[in-house]
Amino acid sequence: MKPEILIILLIAILFALLIALFLVSHFYARRRVKKSISATARMLHTYMHHDLDSNDVFPPAYAEVATQIVQIKSSVQRHEQATKDEVDRKNDLITYLAHDLKTPLTSVIGYLDLLEEASDMPAELRTKYIHITLEKALRLEKLINEFFEITRYNLQQIALEKETIDLSFMLMQLTDEFYPLLSNHGNTVELQAEDDLTVYGDSMKLARVFNNILKNAISYSYPNTPIKVYAGKREKDIFICFINQGKTIPAEKLNSIFEKFFRLDEARSTNTGGAGLGLAIAKEIVTLHGGAINATSEDERTTFSVSLPQY
């Protein structure tokens, strides 16, 4: 055999061996990767669905995977617990509301029966009973509205329709609209807002934010005290503060005040508060605007602060 042919044959054999080696290595690597993925999947499933320590599930070679999955599992558990707490609070609230509906309804029926049966009742006493009946009916309406508020929150999807808003005028209008409620509680509003203060946002949604905060401030203010509202422009944002005098909110409650279905007054016999959605909705709207909302409370002075971007 000629040397040239022999060399070519050897090269061909060597090339064939290289291809065979590559194919074997490729399929072996794929098999190992598949095996490794299957093993990792089994370990992940075991760790996520059982109460085991990560060191008992993942060998040292999987230390980086173990670190990541521990963080993920912790985050999932926090989210699940928060969801459960929210559902529990909502269910408790609905139970309280259902129970509370009976009291004013029973009173309304009782007084109306009395008014119908006692046709010769003195006018002064009749007027008194009608007034009490009206108060109970209004209380009943408030409780029913709380049911609707919960339903609307579950169904709504907040979308913003932004425009340039005269914030100073909006706050002035808001305080005027609340005059009857303020008067009934003996409160006043002291508004200090910079002139020509504008913000780019959804006017209806932001009005709802300030409405909810002011309503909350009135509900928890001492009677015959002023509620101070400040609004102005800083270097990078616009701020709005609502300050009221009332019982200091404990730190543990202050941390939960913007959670859905959270109420400061757990006693359902009081008229303060609502379904526990007002401040949660306010926070959602402010966050959608790229802003922030927070609350502080000390020395019988509670402050709600809202910041909105200047654009």
C-alpha atoms as a PDB file:
ATOM      1  CA  MET A   1       0.000   0.000   0.000  1.00  0.00           C
ATOM      2  CA  LYS A   2       1.344   3.357  -0.944  1.00  0.00           C
ATOM      3  CA  PRO A   3       2.401   5.613   1.951  1.00  0.00           C
ATOM      4  CA  GLU A   4       0.056   8.386   0.803  1.00  0.00           C
ATOM      5  CA  ILE A   5      -2.953   6.079   0.920  1.00  0.00           C
ATOM      6  CA  LEU A   6      -1.891   4.756   4.322  1.00  0.00           C
ATOM      7  CA  ILE A   7      -1.640   8.279   5.725  1.00  0.00           C
ATOM      8  CA  ILE A   8      -5.065   9.179   4.357  1.00  0.00           C
ATOM      9  CA  LEU A   9      -6.526   5.980   5.832  1.00  0.00           C
ATOM     10  CA  LEU A  10      -4.970   6.693   9.216  1.00  0.00           C
ATOM     11  CA  ILE A  11      -6.291  10.241   9.162  1.00  0.00           C
ATOM     12  CA  ALA A  12      -9.762   8.935   8.275  1.00  0.00           C
ATOM     13  CA  ILE A  13      -9.633   6.397  11.104  1.00  0.00           C
ATOM     14  CA  LEU A  14      -8.412   9.066  13.527  1.00  0.00           C
ATOM     15  CA  PHE A  15     -11.154  11.439  12.397  1.00  0.00           C
ATOM     16  CA  ALA A  16     -13.760   8.681  12.819  1.00  0.00           C
ATOM     17  CA  LEU A  17     -12.435   7.969  16.312  1.00  0.00           C
ATOM     18  CA  LEU A  18     -12.621  11.662  17.201  1.00  0.00           C
ATOM     19  CA  ILE A  19     -16.210  11.837  15.974  1.00  0.00           C
ATOM     20  CA  ALA A  20     -17.096   8.695  17.911  1.00  0.00           C
ATOM     21  CA  LEU A  21     -15.395  10.084  21.022  1.00  0.00           C
ATOM     22  CA  PHE A  22     -17.268  13.381  20.616  1.00  0.00           C
ATOM     23  CA  LEU A  23     -20.591  11.599  20.208  1.00  0.00           C
ATOM     24  CA  VAL A  24     -19.987   9.388  23.209  1.00  0.00           C
ATOM     25  CA  SER A  25     -18.905  12.369  25.303  1.00  0.00           C
ATOM     26  CA  HIS A  26     -21.886  14.402  24.117  1.00  0.00           C
ATOM     27  CA  PHE A  27     -24.452  11.740  24.945  1.00  0.00           C
ATOM     28  CA  TYR A  28     -22.728  10.960  28.237  1.00  0.00           C
ATOM     29  CA  ALA A  29     -22.751  14.641  29.179  1.00  0.00           C
ATOM     30  CA  ARG A  30     -26.419  14.941  28.207  1.00  0.00           C
ATOM     31  CA  ARG A  31     -27.219  11.887  30.276  1.00  0.00           C
ATOM     32  CA  ARG A  32     -25.334  13.299  33.260  1.00  0.00           C
ATOM     33  CA  VAL A  33     -27.045  16.686  32.902  1.00  0.00           C
ATOM     34  CA  LYS A  34     -30.444  14.993  32.637  1.00  0.00           C
ATOM     35  CA  LYS A  35     -29.631  12.863  35.646  1.00  0.00           C
ATOM     36  CA  SER A  36     -28.447  15.924  37.565  1.00  0.00           C
ATOM     37  CA  ILE A  37     -31.588  17.877  36.652  1.00  0.00           C
ATOM     38  CA  SER A  38     -33.789  14.974  37.752  1.00  0.00           C
ATOM     39  CA  ALA A  39     -31.910  14.707  41.035  1.00  0.00           C
ATOM     40  CA  THR A  40     -32.152  18.457  41.609  1.00  0.00           C
ATOM     41  CA  ALA A  41     -35.872  18.406  40.820  1.00  0.00           C
ATOM     42  CA  ARG A  42     -36.409  15.596  43.338  1.00  0.00           C
ATOM     43  CA  MET A  43     -34.476  17.481  46.003  1.00  0.00           C
ATOM     44  CA  LEU A  44     -36.390  20.703  45.293  1.00  0.00           C
ATOM     45  CA  HIS A  45     -39.730  18.876  45.487  1.00  0.00           C
ATOM     46  CA  THR A  46     -38.727  17.178  48.742  1.00  0.00           C
ATOM     47  CA  TYR A  47     -37.555  20.417  50.341  1.00  0.00           C
ATOM     48  CA  MET A  48     -40.532  22.523  49.198  1.00  0.00           C
ATOM     49  CA  HIS A  49     -43.165  19.987  50.300  1.00  0.00           C
ATOM     50  CA  HIS A  50     -41.692  18.761  53.571  1.00  0.00           C
ATOM     51  CA  ASP A  51     -40.585  20.429  56.768  1.00  0.00           C
ATOM     52  CA  LEU A  52     -36.917  19.534  56.447  1.00  0.00           C
ATOM     53  CA  ASP A  53     -33.670  21.390  56.952  1.00  0.00           C
ATOM     54  CA  SER A  54     -31.882  22.247  53.710  1.00  0.00           C
ATOM     55  CA  ASN A  55     -28.735  20.422  54.911  1.00  0.00           C
ATOM     56  CA  ASP A  56     -30.756  17.219  55.184  1.00  0.00           C
ATOM     57  CA  VAL A  57     -31.895  17.473  51.568  1.00  0.00           C
ATOM     58  CA  PHE A  58     -29.069  19.082  49.574  1.00  0.00           C
ATOM     59  CA  PRO A  59     -25.516  17.657  49.581  1.00  0.00           C
ATOM     60  CA  PRO A  60     -22.550  20.084  49.886  1.00  0.00           C
ATOM     61  CA  ALA A  61     -22.185  20.207  46.095  1.00  0.00           C
ATOM     62  CA  TYR A  62     -25.615  21.842  45.908  1.00  0.00           C
ATOM     63  CA  ALA A  63     -24.851  24.547  48.488  1.00  0.00           C
ATOM     64  CA  GLU A  64     -25.548  27.428  46.082  1.00  0.00           C
ATOM     65  CA  VAL A  65     -28.861  25.891  44.964  1.00  0.00           C
ATOM     66  CA  ALA A  66     -29.778  25.262  48.604  1.00  0.00           C
ATOM     67  CA  THR A  67     -29.161  28.910  49.536  1.00  0.00           C
ATOM     68  CA  GLN A  68     -31.379  30.162  46.726  1.00  0.00           C
ATOM     69  CA  ILE A  69     -34.216  27.719  47.379  1.00  0.00           C
ATOM     70  CA  VAL A  70     -34.206  28.494  51.130  1.00  0.00           C
ATOM     71  CA  GLN A  71     -34.806  32.164  50.297  1.00  0.00           C
ATOM     72  CA  ILE A  72     -37.537  31.279  47.800  1.00  0.00           C
ATOM     73  CA  LYS A  73     -39.298  28.956  50.260  1.00  0.00           C
ATOM     74  CA  SER A  74     -39.130  31.588  52.994  1.00  0.00           C
ATOM     75  CA  SER A  75     -40.634  34.195  50.650  1.00  0.00           C
ATOM     76  CA  VAL A  76     -43.416  31.817  49.570  1.00  0.00           C
ATOM     77  CA  GLN A  77     -44.234  30.985  53.195  1.00  0.00           C
ATOM     78  CA  ARG A  78     -44.407  34.678  54.133  1.00  0.00           C
ATOM     79  CA  HIS A  79     -46.716  35.344  51.197  1.00  0.00           C
ATOM     80  CA  GLU A  80     -48.933  32.364  52.063  1.00  0.00           C
ATOM     81  CA  GLN A  81     -49.140  33.465  55.705  1.00  0.00           C
ATOM     82  CA  ALA A  82     -49.965  37.044  54.708  1.00  0.00           C
ATOM     83  CA  THR A  83     -52.701  35.786  52.385  1.00  0.00           C
ATOM     84  CA  LYS A  84     -54.094  33.530  55.113  1.00  0.00           C
ATOM     85  CA  ASP A  85     -54.063  36.381  57.639  1.00  0.00           C
ATOM     86  CA  GLU A  86     -55.856  38.625  55.141  1.00  0.00           C
ATOM     87  CA  VAL A  87     -58.522  35.999  54.456  1.00  0.00           C
ATOM     88  CA  ASP A  88     -58.954  35.401  58.200  1.00  0.00           C
ATOM     89  CA  ARG A  89     -59.363  39.129  58.860  1.00  0.00           C
ATOM     90  CA  LYS A  90     -61.854  39.432  56.021  1.00  0.00           C
ATOM     91  CA  ASN A  91     -63.872  36.454  57.259  1.00  0.00           C
ATOM     92  CA  ASP A  92     -63.856  37.803  60.810  1.00  0.00           C
ATOM     93  CA  LEU A  93     -64.984  41.195  59.562  1.00  0.00           C
ATOM     94  CA  ILE A  94     -67.849  39.688  57.559  1.00  0.00           C
ATOM     95  CA  THR A  95     -68.886  37.654  60.607  1.00  0.00           C
ATOM     96  CA  TYR A  96     -68.895  40.786  62.778  1.00  0.00           C
ATOM     97  CA  LEU A  97     -70.813  42.735  60.148  1.00  0.00           C
ATOM     98  CA  ALA A  98     -73.422  39.999  59.783  1.00  0.00           C
ATOM     99  CA  HIS A  99     -73.880  39.949  63.543  1.00  0.00           C
ATOM    100  CA  ASP A 100     -73.990  43.752  63.829  1.00  0.00           C
ATOM    101  CA  LEU A 101     -76.652  44.033  61.128  1.00  0.00           C
ATOM    102  CA  LYS A 102     -79.152  42.378  63.450  1.00  0.00           C
ATOM    103  CA  THR A 103     -78.947  45.032  66.172  1.00  0.00           C
ATOM    104  CA  PRO A 104     -79.997  48.158  64.219  1.00  0.00           C
ATOM    105  CA  LEU A 105     -82.432  46.131  62.099  1.00  0.00           C
ATOM    106  CA  THR A 106     -84.147  44.790  65.220  1.00  0.00           C
ATOM    107  CA  SER A 107     -84.348  48.321  66.631  1.00  0.00           C
ATOM    108  CA  VAL A 108     -85.803  49.744  63.415  1.00  0.00           C
ATOM    109  CA  ILE A 109     -88.481  47.040  63.276  1.00  0.00           C
ATOM    110  CA  GLY A 110     -89.256  47.429  66.980  1.00  0.00           C
ATOM    111  CA  TYR A 111     -89.683  51.198  66.884  1.00  0.00           C
ATOM    112  CA  LEU A 112     -91.714  51.086  63.665  1.00  0.00           C
ATOM    113  CA  ASP A 113     -94.046  48.476  65.214  1.00  0.00           C
ATOM    114  CA  LEU A 114     -94.409  50.706  68.254  1.00  0.00           C
ATOM    115  CA  LEU A 115     -95.191  53.766  66.134  1.00  0.00           C
ATOM    116  CA  GLU A 116     -97.753  51.841  64.096  1.00  0.00           C
ATOM    117  CA  GLU A 117     -99.542  50.327  67.097  1.00  0.00           C
ATOM    118  CA  ALA A 118     -99.608  53.405  69.312  1.00  0.00           C
ATOM    119  CA  SER A 119    -101.623  55.733  67.130  1.00  0.00           C
ATOM    120  CA  ASP A 120    -102.374  57.997  70.107  1.00  0.00           C
ATOM    121  CA  MET A 121     -98.710  58.391  71.078  1.00  0.00           C
ATOM    122  CA  PRO A 122     -97.819  61.961  72.156  1.00  0.00           C
ATOM    123  CA  ALA A 123     -96.211  63.981  69.368  1.00  0.00           C
ATOM    124  CA  GLU A 124     -93.036  64.613  71.400  1.00  0.00           C
ATOM    125  CA  LEU A 125     -92.509  60.901  72.073  1.00  0.00           C
ATOM    126  CA  ARG A 126     -93.334  60.022  68.456  1.00  0.00           C
ATOM    127  CA  THR A 127     -90.720  62.534  67.228  1.00  0.00           C
ATOM    128  CA  LYS A 128     -88.168  61.002  69.621  1.00  0.00           C
ATOM    129  CA  TYR A 129     -88.838  57.459  68.377  1.00  0.00           C
ATOM    130  CA  ILE A 130     -88.698  58.541  64.726  1.00  0.00           C
ATOM    131  CA  HIS A 131     -85.318  60.165  65.384  1.00  0.00           C
ATOM    132  CA  ILE A 132     -83.976  56.990  67.030  1.00  0.00           C
ATOM    133  CA  THR A 133     -85.316  54.891  64.150  1.00  0.00           C
ATOM    134  CA  LEU A 134     -83.573  57.125  61.635  1.00  0.00           C
ATOM    135  CA  GLU A 135     -80.273  56.833  63.522  1.00  0.00           C
ATOM    136  CA  LYS A 136     -80.542  53.035  63.563  1.00  0.00           C
ATOM    137  CA  ALA A 137     -81.450  52.974  59.853  1.00  0.00           C
ATOM    138  CA  LEU A 138     -78.395  55.123  59.035  1.00  0.00           C
ATOM    139  CA  ARG A 139     -76.222  52.762  61.056  1.00  0.00           C
ATOM    140  CA  LEU A 140     -77.698  49.854  59.121  1.00  0.00           C
ATOM    141  CA  GLU A 141     -76.924  51.629  55.844  1.00  0.00           C
ATOM    142  CA  LYS A 142     -73.310  52.151  56.949  1.00  0.00           C
ATOM    143  CA  LEU A 143     -72.868  48.450  57.711  1.00  0.00           C
ATOM    144  CA  ILE A 144     -74.374  47.452  54.357  1.00  0.00           C
ATOM    145  CA  ASN A 145     -72.037  49.881  52.596  1.00  0.00           C
ATOM    146  CA  GLU A 146     -69.116  48.115  54.277  1.00  0.00           C
ATOM    147  CA  PHE A 147     -70.228  44.869  52.629  1.00  0.00           C
ATOM    148  CA  PHE A 148     -70.317  46.609  49.240  1.00  0.00           C
ATOM    149  CA  GLU A 149     -66.894  48.138  49.893  1.00  0.00           C
ATOM    150  CA  ILE A 150     -65.399  44.688  50.427  1.00  0.00           C
ATOM    151  CA  THR A 151     -67.042  43.380  47.252  1.00  0.00           C
ATOM    152  CA  ARG A 152     -65.888  46.338  45.160  1.00  0.00           C
ATOM    153  CA  TYR A 153     -62.321  45.929  46.363  1.00  0.00           C
ATOM    154  CA  ASN A 154     -62.245  42.283  45.296  1.00  0.00           C
ATOM    155  CA  LEU A 155     -63.636  43.119  41.853  1.00  0.00           C
ATOM    156  CA  GLN A 156     -61.860  46.360  41.056  1.00  0.00           C
ATOM    157  CA  GLN A 157     -58.706  46.786  39.055  1.00  0.00           C
ATOM    158  CA  ILE A 158     -57.223  50.227  39.596  1.00  0.00           C
ATOM    159  CA  ALA A 159     -56.161  51.956  36.378  1.00  0.00           C
ATOM    160  CA  LEU A 160     -54.860  55.519  36.291  1.00  0.00           C
ATOM    161  CA  GLU A 161     -56.026  58.311  33.987  1.00  0.00           C
ATOM    162  CA  LYS A 162     -53.413  60.995  34.535  1.00  0.00           C
ATOM    163  CA  GLU A 163     -53.680  64.733  34.001  1.00  0.00           C
ATOM    164  CA  THR A 164     -52.220  67.885  35.522  1.00  0.00           C
ATOM    165  CA  ILE A 165     -54.025  68.575  38.807  1.00  0.00           C
ATOM    166  CA  ASP A 166     -54.286  71.775  40.816  1.00  0.00           C
ATOM    167  CA  LEU A 167     -53.456  70.150  44.143  1.00  0.00           C
ATOM    168  CA  SER A 168     -54.034  73.289  46.218  1.00  0.00           C
ATOM    169  CA  PHE A 169     -57.575  73.648  44.862  1.00  0.00           C
ATOM    170  CA  MET A 170     -58.284  69.925  45.299  1.00  0.00           C
ATOM    171  CA  LEU A 171     -57.353  70.041  48.995  1.00  0.00           C
ATOM    172  CA  MET A 172     -59.417  73.209  49.481  1.00  0.00           C
ATOM    173  CA  GLN A 173     -62.439  71.510  47.896  1.00  0.00           C
ATOM    174  CA  LEU A 174     -61.905  68.431  50.041  1.00  0.00           C
ATOM    175  CA  THR A 175     -61.931  70.356  53.302  1.00  0.00           C
ATOM    176  CA  ASP A 176     -65.103  72.179  52.230  1.00  0.00           C
ATOM    177  CA  GLU A 177     -66.863  68.899  51.405  1.00  0.00           C
ATOM    178  CA  PHE A 178     -66.014  67.513  54.834  1.00  0.00           C
ATOM    179  CA  TYR A 179     -67.429  70.514  56.691  1.00  0.00           C
ATOM    180  CA  PRO A 180     -70.626  68.720  57.888  1.00  0.00           C
ATOM    181  CA  LEU A 181     -68.688  65.708  59.201  1.00  0.00           C
ATOM    182  CA  LEU A 182     -66.098  67.967  60.814  1.00  0.00           C
ATOM    183  CA  SER A 183     -68.813  70.040  62.475  1.00  0.00           C
ATOM    184  CA  ASN A 184     -70.573  66.967  63.857  1.00  0.00           C
ATOM    185  CA  HIS A 185     -67.336  65.893  65.489  1.00  0.00           C
ATOM    186  CA  GLY A 186     -66.361  69.394  66.598  1.00  0.00           C
ATOM    187  CA  ASN A 187     -63.219  69.388  64.435  1.00  0.00           C
ATOM    188  CA  THR A 188     -61.807  71.989  62.080  1.00  0.00           C
ATOM    189  CA  VAL A 189     -59.241  71.764  59.276  1.00  0.00           C
ATOM    190  CA  GLU A 190     -56.264  74.105  59.096  1.00  0.00           C
ATOM    191  CA  LEU A 191     -55.008  73.944  55.502  1.00  0.00           C
ATOM    192  CA  GLN A 192     -51.618  75.341  54.520  1.00  0.00           C
ATOM    193  CA  ALA A 193     -50.818  74.618  50.876  1.00  0.00           C
ATOM    194  CA  GLU A 194     -48.387  76.376  48.567  1.00  0.00           C
ATOM    195  CA  ASP A 195     -50.010  78.414  45.795  1.00  0.00           C
ATOM    196  CA  ASP A 196     -50.031  76.983  42.274  1.00  0.00           C
ATOM    197  CA  LEU A 197     -49.115  73.527  43.566  1.00  0.00           C
ATOM    198  CA  THR A 198     -49.714  71.004  40.781  1.00  0.00           C
ATOM    199  CA  VAL A 199     -49.167  67.276  40.404  1.00  0.00           C
ATOM    200  CA  TYR A 200     -49.492  64.892  37.455  1.00  0.00           C
ATOM    201  CA  GLY A 201     -51.860  62.090  38.361  1.00  0.00           C
ATOM    202  CA  ASP A 202     -55.374  60.692  38.385  1.00  0.00           C
ATOM    203  CA  SER A 203     -57.553  63.350  40.015  1.00  0.00           C
ATOM    204  CA  MET A 204     -60.365  60.973  41.007  1.00  0.00           C
ATOM    205  CA  LYS A 205     -58.000  58.422  42.536  1.00  0.00           C
ATOM    206  CA  LEU A 206     -55.898  60.979  44.411  1.00  0.00           C
ATOM    207  CA  ALA A 207     -59.066  62.644  45.720  1.00  0.00           C
ATOM    208  CA  ARG A 208     -60.013  59.226  47.060  1.00  0.00           C
ATOM    209  CA  VAL A 209     -56.631  58.945  48.807  1.00  0.00           C
ATOM    210  CA  PHE A 210     -57.005  62.297  50.587  1.00  0.00           C
ATOM    211  CA  ASN A 211     -60.675  61.570  51.312  1.00  0.00           C
ATOM    212  CA  ASN A 212     -59.788  58.276  53.016  1.00  0.00           C
ATOM    213  CA  ILE A 213     -56.968  59.818  55.057  1.00  0.00           C
ATOM    214  CA  LEU A 214     -59.036  62.802  56.192  1.00  0.00           C
ATOM    215  CA  LYS A 215     -62.004  60.578  57.059  1.00  0.00           C
ATOM    216  CA  ASN A 216     -59.672  58.417  59.145  1.00  0.00           C
ATOM    217  CA  ALA A 217     -58.216  61.512  60.854  1.00  0.00           C
ATOM    218  CA  ILE A 218     -61.703  62.751  61.800  1.00  0.00           C
ATOM    219  CA  SER A 219     -62.782  59.324  63.082  1.00  0.00           C
ATOM    220  CA  TYR A 220     -59.823  59.043  65.441  1.00  0.00           C
ATOM    221  CA  SER A 221     -59.411  62.707  66.472  1.00  0.00           C
ATOM    222  CA  TYR A 222     -60.315  64.067  69.848  1.00  0.00           C
ATOM    223  CA  PRO A 223     -63.474  66.203  69.616  1.00  0.00           C
ATOM    224  CA  ASN A 224     -62.953  69.949  69.239  1.00  0.00           C
ATOM    225  CA  THR A 225     -59.381  69.655  67.968  1.00  0.00           C
ATOM    226  CA  PRO A 226     -57.936  70.913  64.673  1.00  0.00           C
ATOM    227  CA  ILE A 227     -56.740  68.647  61.873  1.00  0.00           C
ATOM    228  CA  LYS A 228     -53.767  70.229  60.156  1.00  0.00           C
ATOM    229  CA  VAL A 229     -53.092  69.672  56.464  1.00  0.00           C
ATOM    230  CA  TYR A 230     -49.818  70.781  54.884  1.00  0.00           C
ATOM    231  CA  ALA A 231     -48.867  70.558  51.201  1.00  0.00           C
ATOM    232  CA  GLY A 232     -45.780  71.797  49.429  1.00  0.00           C
ATOM    233  CA  LYS A 233     -42.947  71.100  47.037  1.00  0.00           C
ATOM    234  CA  ARG A 234     -39.550  69.695  47.907  1.00  0.00           C
ATOM    235  CA  GLU A 235     -36.482  69.161  45.718  1.00  0.00           C
ATOM    236  CA  LYS A 236     -37.684  65.933  44.110  1.00  0.00           C
ATOM    237  CA  ASP A 237     -41.262  65.439  45.219  1.00  0.00           C
ATOM    238  CA  ILE A 238     -44.495  66.942  46.458  1.00  0.00           C
ATOM    239  CA  PHE A 239     -45.614  66.227  50.024  1.00  0.00           C
ATOM    240  CA  ILE A 240     -49.027  66.256  51.693  1.00  0.00           C
ATOM    241  CA  CYS A 241     -49.315  65.743  55.470  1.00  0.00           C
ATOM    242  CA  PHE A 242     -52.427  65.203  57.606  1.00  0.00           C
ATOM    243  CA  ILE A 243     -51.906  65.679  61.353  1.00  0.00           C
ATOM    244  CA  ASN A 244     -54.556  64.987  63.982  1.00  0.00           C
ATOM    245  CA  GLN A 245     -54.715  64.846  67.769  1.00  0.00           C
ATOM    246  CA  GLY A 246     -55.983  61.562  69.171  1.00  0.00           C
ATOM    247  CA  LYS A 247     -54.929  58.442  71.002  1.00  0.00           C
ATOM    248  CA  THR A 248     -51.407  57.381  70.116  1.00  0.00           C
ATOM    249  CA  ILE A 249     -51.481  54.378  67.775  1.00  0.00           C
ATOM    250  CA  PRO A 250     -49.352  51.513  69.178  1.00  0.00           C
ATOM    251  CA  ALA A 251     -46.319  50.623  67.078  1.00  0.00           C
ATOM    252  CA  GLU A 252     -47.563  47.083  66.369  1.00  0.00           C
ATOM    253  CA  LYS A 253     -50.824  48.456  64.948  1.00  0.00           C
ATOM    254  CA  LEU A 254     -49.065  51.253  63.071  1.00  0.00           C
ATOM    255  CA  ASN A 255     -47.091  48.625  61.144  1.00  0.00           C
ATOM    256  CA  SER A 256     -50.357  47.036  59.943  1.00  0.00           C
ATOM    257  CA  ILE A 257     -52.425  50.152  59.334  1.00  0.00           C
ATOM    258  CA  PHE A 258     -52.156  49.950  55.530  1.00  0.00           C
ATOM    259  CA  GLU A 259     -53.048  46.248  55.341  1.00  0.00           C
ATOM    260  CA  LYS A 260     -56.366  45.205  53.815  1.00  0.00           C
ATOM    261  CA  PHE A 261     -59.224  44.615  56.282  1.00  0.00           C
ATOM    262  CA  PHE A 262     -57.199  45.960  59.218  1.00  0.00           C
ATOM    263  CA  ARG A 263     -59.169  48.113  61.660  1.00  0.00           C
ATOM    264  CA  LEU A 264     -57.733  50.124  64.542  1.00  0.00           C
ATOM    265  CA  ASP A 265     -60.846  49.608  66.625  1.00  0.00           C
ATOM    266  CA  GLU A 266     -61.560  45.912  66.943  1.00  0.00           C
ATOM    267  CA  ALA A 267     -64.717  46.593  68.950  1.00  0.00           C
ATOM    268  CA  ARG A 268     -67.536  46.534  66.424  1.00  0.00           C
ATOM    269  CA  SER A 269     -69.805  48.497  68.775  1.00  0.00           C
ATOM    270  CA  THR A 270     -68.069  51.735  67.836  1.00  0.00           C
ATOM    271  CA  ASN A 271     -68.950  53.874  64.848  1.00  0.00           C
ATOM    272  CA  THR A 272     -65.354  54.644  63.908  1.00  0.00           C
ATOM    273  CA  GLY A 273     -63.637  52.946  61.024  1.00  0.00           C
ATOM    274  CA  GLY A 274     -65.108  51.000  58.137  1.00  0.00           C
ATOM    275  CA  ALA A 275     -64.263  47.778  56.380  1.00  0.00           C
ATOM    276  CA  GLY A 276     -60.551  48.390  56.896  1.00  0.00           C
ATOM    277  CA  LEU A 277     -59.950  49.134  53.215  1.00  0.00           C
ATOM    278  CA  GLY A 278     -59.632  52.917  53.058  1.00  0.00           C
ATOM    279  CA  LEU A 279     -55.941  53.177  53.906  1.00  0.00           C
ATOM    280  CA  ALA A 280     -55.073  49.993  51.964  1.00  0.00           C
ATOM    281  CA  ILE A 281     -56.660  51.495  48.851  1.00  0.00           C
ATOM    282  CA  ALA A 282     -54.906  54.812  49.510  1.00  0.00           C
ATOM    283  CA  LYS A 283     -51.536  53.058  49.643  1.00  0.00           C
ATOM    284  CA  GLU A 284     -52.252  51.145  46.415  1.00  0.00           C
ATOM    285  CA  ILE A 285     -53.181  54.337  44.556  1.00  0.00           C
ATOM    286  CA  VAL A 286     -50.165  56.283  45.850  1.00  0.00           C
ATOM    287  CA  THR A 287     -47.834  53.408  44.937  1.00  0.00           C
ATOM    288  CA  LEU A 288     -49.272  53.286  41.403  1.00  0.00           C
ATOM    289  CA  HIS A 289     -48.406  57.004  41.121  1.00  0.00           C
ATOM    290  CA  GLY A 290     -44.786  56.199  42.005  1.00  0.00           C
ATOM    291  CA  GLY A 291     -45.164  57.795  45.425  1.00  0.00           C
ATOM    292  CA  ALA A 292     -45.079  56.663  49.043  1.00  0.00           C
ATOM    293  CA  ILE A 293     -47.370  56.871  52.061  1.00  0.00           C
ATOM    294  CA  ASN A 294     -46.534  56.325  55.716  1.00  0.00           C
ATOM    295  CA  ALA A 295     -47.846  57.029  59.189  1.00  0.00           C
ATOM    296  CA  THR A 296     -46.278  58.006  62.512  1.00  0.00           C
ATOM    297  CA  SER A 297     -47.908  58.366  65.907  1.00  0.00           C
ATOM    298  CA  GLU A 298     -46.520  59.641  69.191  1.00  0.00           C
ATOM    299  CA  ASP A 299     -47.565  61.911  72.062  1.00  0.00           C
ATOM    300  CA  GLU A 300     -51.234  61.748  70.968  1.00  0.00           C
ATOM    301  CA  ARG A 301     -50.335  63.135  67.549  1.00  0.00           C
ATOM    302  CA  THR A 302     -50.761  61.049  64.378  1.00  0.00           C
ATOM    303  CA  THR A 303     -49.320  62.083  61.015  1.00  0.00           C
ATOM    304  CA  PHE A 304     -50.088  60.602  57.606  1.00  0.00           C
ATOM    305  CA  SER A 305     -47.560  61.653  54.970  1.00  0.00           C
ATOM    306  CA  VAL A 306     -47.947  61.259  51.214  1.00  0.00           C
ATOM    307  CA  SER A 307     -45.170  61.978  48.715  1.00  0.00           C
ATOM    308  CA  LEU A 308     -45.722  62.155  44.955  1.00  0.00           C
ATOM    309  CA  PRO A 309     -43.132  62.577  42.184  1.00  0.00           C
ATOM    310  CA  GLN A 310     -42.788  65.918  40.384  1.00  0.00           C
ATOM    311  CA  TYR A 311     -43.644  64.896  36.812  1.00  0.00           C
END
